[in-house]
Amino acid sequence: MKKDKFIKDLKNLINEKITSVFIVSKIMRKQAKSRKAGGAEEDYCLLKLQDKSGLIDAIIWPDTYRKFKNLLDPEDKESADKGPQDEETSAELKAEKLKEEDCVEVEGIVSEYKGGLQIVVSSIVKANLGEIDYSCFIRSLPEESKQNLVRELEEIIELVTDEFLKSLLGLFFKDKQIF
């Protein structure tokens, strides 16, 4: 799953529809009185989403929340109403629920709210773990900075007087699988 829209770039996409992949760093399920007749309480959800470039708020309003209730509601009453389930079915239902640190594909409109950006979510699904490029979520240094740090480490290793420790450090930092 290719990620082509990063949070840092969304400031240029206000009022535009985007689809992108994010990590869920926080989930806040809430209720508010409906503006419709009767004023019953309706569920909605606030999310904090992140990628390697930053964090953004996202909101899932009640109409969208109802569409994705199976994913969003930790205690989906409809699933509970189906009666006892075998362990495999119960585990599948729990696995489908959205949790913090899950990777999700979000579709929505980028908007401004209280001086910041947010995504008004129209669709949310768990991303297929086998298709995720995790480098999109891990901050890294520019290549020049990495090379400078490596040179500094090599200089520090040269100052170590214990030959065994110096040898071990040398092996560790020269191993391309580790470093």
Protein backbone atom coordinates (compact mmCIF):
# COMPACT_ATOMS: atom_id res chain seq x y z
CA MET A 1 0.00 0.00 0.00
CA LYS A 2 1.71 3.15 -1.21
CA LYS A 3 1.47 6.27 0.91
CA ASP A 4 1.56 9.40 -1.21
CA LYS A 5 0.06 11.97 1.18
CA PHE A 6 1.94 12.79 4.37
CA ILE A 7 0.53 14.85 7.23
CA LYS A 8 3.05 17.65 6.67
CA ASP A 9 1.68 18.09 3.14
CA LEU A 10 -2.00 18.32 4.09
CA LYS A 11 -1.89 22.06 4.81
CA ASN A 12 -1.91 22.53 1.03
CA LEU A 13 -5.00 20.33 0.64
CA ILE A 14 -7.60 22.12 2.78
CA ASN A 15 -11.16 21.30 1.66
CA GLU A 16 -9.86 18.50 -0.58
CA LYS A 17 -10.67 14.82 -0.37
CA ILE A 18 -7.72 12.59 0.44
CA THR A 19 -7.12 8.88 0.89
CA SER A 20 -4.05 7.84 2.83
CA VAL A 21 -2.68 5.36 5.34
CA PHE A 22 -1.95 6.33 8.95
CA ILE A 23 -1.16 4.79 12.32
CA VAL A 24 -3.85 5.37 14.97
CA SER A 25 -2.13 6.86 18.01
CA LYS A 26 -5.25 7.68 20.04
CA ILE A 27 -8.96 6.81 19.95
CA MET A 28 -11.57 8.80 21.88
CA ARG A 29 -15.12 7.54 21.56
CA LYS A 30 -17.70 10.12 22.57
CA GLN A 31 -21.40 10.81 22.61
CA ALA A 32 -23.29 13.99 21.77
CA LYS A 33 -26.94 14.91 21.68
CA SER A 34 -28.41 14.68 18.24
CA ARG A 35 -29.59 17.87 16.59
CA LYS A 36 -32.43 15.85 15.11
CA ALA A 37 -35.83 15.64 16.76
CA GLY A 38 -35.71 13.80 20.05
CA GLY A 39 -32.14 14.74 20.88
CA ALA A 40 -30.99 11.16 21.50
CA GLU A 41 -27.30 10.67 22.14
CA GLU A 42 -25.22 9.60 19.16
CA ASP A 43 -21.77 8.07 19.05
CA TYR A 44 -18.88 9.78 17.29
CA CYS A 45 -15.14 9.31 17.44
CA LEU A 46 -12.03 11.50 17.64
CA LEU A 47 -8.75 10.03 16.45
CA LYS A 48 -5.13 11.08 16.47
CA LEU A 49 -3.45 9.82 13.33
CA GLN A 50 0.26 9.84 12.59
CA ASP A 51 2.88 9.11 10.00
CA LYS A 52 6.60 9.90 9.92
CA SER A 53 5.91 13.58 9.26
CA GLY A 54 3.62 14.30 12.23
CA LEU A 55 0.21 14.01 13.90
CA ILE A 56 -3.27 15.11 12.82
CA ASP A 57 -6.70 15.03 14.43
CA ALA A 58 -9.50 13.17 12.71
CA ILE A 59 -13.21 13.12 13.46
CA ILE A 60 -15.78 10.51 12.61
CA TRP A 61 -19.24 12.05 12.82
CA PRO A 62 -22.29 9.95 13.86
CA ASP A 63 -23.50 9.12 10.32
CA THR A 64 -20.07 7.74 9.40
CA TYR A 65 -19.66 6.13 12.83
CA ARG A 66 -22.82 4.10 12.22
CA LYS A 67 -21.46 2.87 8.86
CA PHE A 68 -18.24 1.66 10.48
CA LYS A 69 -19.70 0.62 13.84
CA ASN A 70 -18.32 -2.93 13.55
CA LEU A 71 -14.80 -1.49 13.40
CA LEU A 72 -15.21 1.45 15.79
CA ASP A 73 -17.48 0.28 18.62
CA PRO A 74 -15.48 -1.73 21.17
CA GLU A 75 -18.69 -3.22 22.58
CA ASP A 76 -20.84 -3.59 19.50
CA LYS A 77 -24.24 -4.51 20.93
CA GLU A 78 -25.33 -6.17 17.68
CA SER A 79 -22.45 -8.66 17.90
CA ALA A 80 -23.23 -9.27 21.57
CA ASP A 81 -26.91 -9.83 20.74
CA LYS A 82 -26.01 -12.75 18.49
CA GLY A 83 -25.47 -14.83 21.60
CA PRO A 84 -22.54 -17.00 22.56
CA GLN A 85 -19.89 -17.49 19.92
CA ASP A 86 -17.14 -20.01 19.61
CA GLU A 87 -13.63 -18.85 20.53
CA GLU A 88 -12.57 -18.47 16.87
CA THR A 89 -15.52 -16.19 15.98
CA SER A 90 -15.01 -14.15 19.15
CA ALA A 91 -11.29 -13.73 18.37
CA GLU A 92 -12.12 -12.65 14.78
CA LEU A 93 -14.54 -10.00 16.05
CA LYS A 94 -11.95 -8.65 18.50
CA ALA A 95 -9.29 -8.62 15.78
CA GLU A 96 -11.57 -6.52 13.57
CA LYS A 97 -11.99 -3.80 16.20
CA LEU A 98 -9.93 -0.65 15.81
CA LYS A 99 -7.18 -0.27 18.40
CA GLU A 100 -4.45 2.24 19.04
CA GLU A 101 -1.34 1.43 16.97
CA ASP A 102 -3.45 -0.10 14.17
CA CYS A 103 -2.65 0.96 10.64
CA VAL A 104 -5.71 2.32 8.81
CA GLU A 105 -6.62 3.60 5.39
CA VAL A 106 -8.63 6.79 5.81
CA GLU A 107 -10.65 8.71 3.26
CA GLY A 108 -11.91 12.15 4.16
CA ILE A 109 -11.82 15.90 3.73
CA VAL A 110 -8.94 17.95 5.12
CA SER A 111 -10.29 20.93 7.07
CA GLU A 112 -9.19 23.62 9.48
CA TYR A 113 -10.53 23.57 13.02
CA LYS A 114 -9.47 25.80 15.91
CA GLY A 115 -6.27 26.85 14.16
CA GLY A 116 -5.16 23.34 13.24
CA LEU A 117 -5.83 20.73 10.61
CA GLN A 118 -8.15 17.79 10.90
CA ILE A 119 -9.55 15.11 8.63
CA VAL A 120 -13.32 14.69 8.54
CA VAL A 121 -13.44 10.95 7.93
CA SER A 122 -15.88 9.49 5.39
CA SER A 123 -14.32 5.99 5.31
CA ILE A 124 -11.93 4.04 7.51
CA VAL A 125 -10.67 0.48 7.16
CA LYS A 126 -7.82 -1.46 8.71
CA ALA A 127 -4.90 -1.63 6.31
CA ASN A 128 -3.68 -4.97 5.04
CA LEU A 129 -0.50 -5.53 7.08
CA GLY A 130 1.26 -7.33 4.24
CA GLU A 131 0.97 -4.29 1.97
CA ILE A 132 2.27 -1.60 4.34
CA ASP A 133 5.56 0.21 3.78
CA TYR A 134 6.56 0.82 7.40
CA SER A 135 9.23 3.33 6.41
CA CYS A 136 6.33 5.78 5.93
CA PHE A 137 5.78 5.75 9.69
CA ILE A 138 9.32 5.80 11.05
CA ARG A 139 11.14 9.09 11.24
CA SER A 140 14.68 8.98 9.94
CA LEU A 141 17.58 11.34 9.51
CA PRO A 142 18.75 12.71 6.18
CA GLU A 143 21.64 10.66 4.74
CA GLU A 144 24.21 13.40 5.45
CA SER A 145 23.26 13.49 9.14
CA LYS A 146 23.48 9.70 9.34
CA GLN A 147 26.99 9.77 7.87
CA ASN A 148 28.05 12.46 10.36
CA LEU A 149 26.76 10.36 13.27
CA VAL A 150 28.58 7.28 11.99
CA ARG A 151 31.85 9.25 11.78
CA GLU A 152 31.34 10.49 15.35
CA LEU A 153 30.73 6.94 16.59
CA GLU A 154 33.83 5.68 14.81
CA GLU A 155 35.89 8.45 16.47
CA ILE A 156 34.49 7.51 19.89
CA ILE A 157 35.25 3.81 19.30
CA GLU A 158 38.85 4.76 18.48
CA LEU A 159 39.13 6.34 21.96
CA VAL A 160 38.12 3.11 23.77
CA THR A 161 41.18 1.63 25.50
CA ASP A 162 39.85 -1.87 26.33
CA GLU A 163 40.79 -3.92 23.25
CA PHE A 164 37.99 -6.49 23.72
CA LEU A 165 35.32 -3.82 24.01
CA LYS A 166 36.83 -1.91 21.10
CA SER A 167 36.77 -5.06 18.97
CA LEU A 168 33.16 -5.81 19.93
CA LEU A 169 32.05 -2.26 19.13
CA GLY A 170 33.89 -2.41 15.82
CA LEU A 171 32.14 -5.65 14.87
CA PHE A 172 28.75 -4.28 15.91
CA PHE A 173 29.01 -1.05 13.95
CA LYS A 174 30.45 -2.70 10.84
CA ASP A 175 27.67 -5.31 10.64
CA LYS A 176 25.31 -4.06 7.89
CA GLN A 177 22.40 -6.15 9.23
CA ILE A 178 22.56 -4.39 12.58
CA PHE A 179 23.75 -0.91 11.75
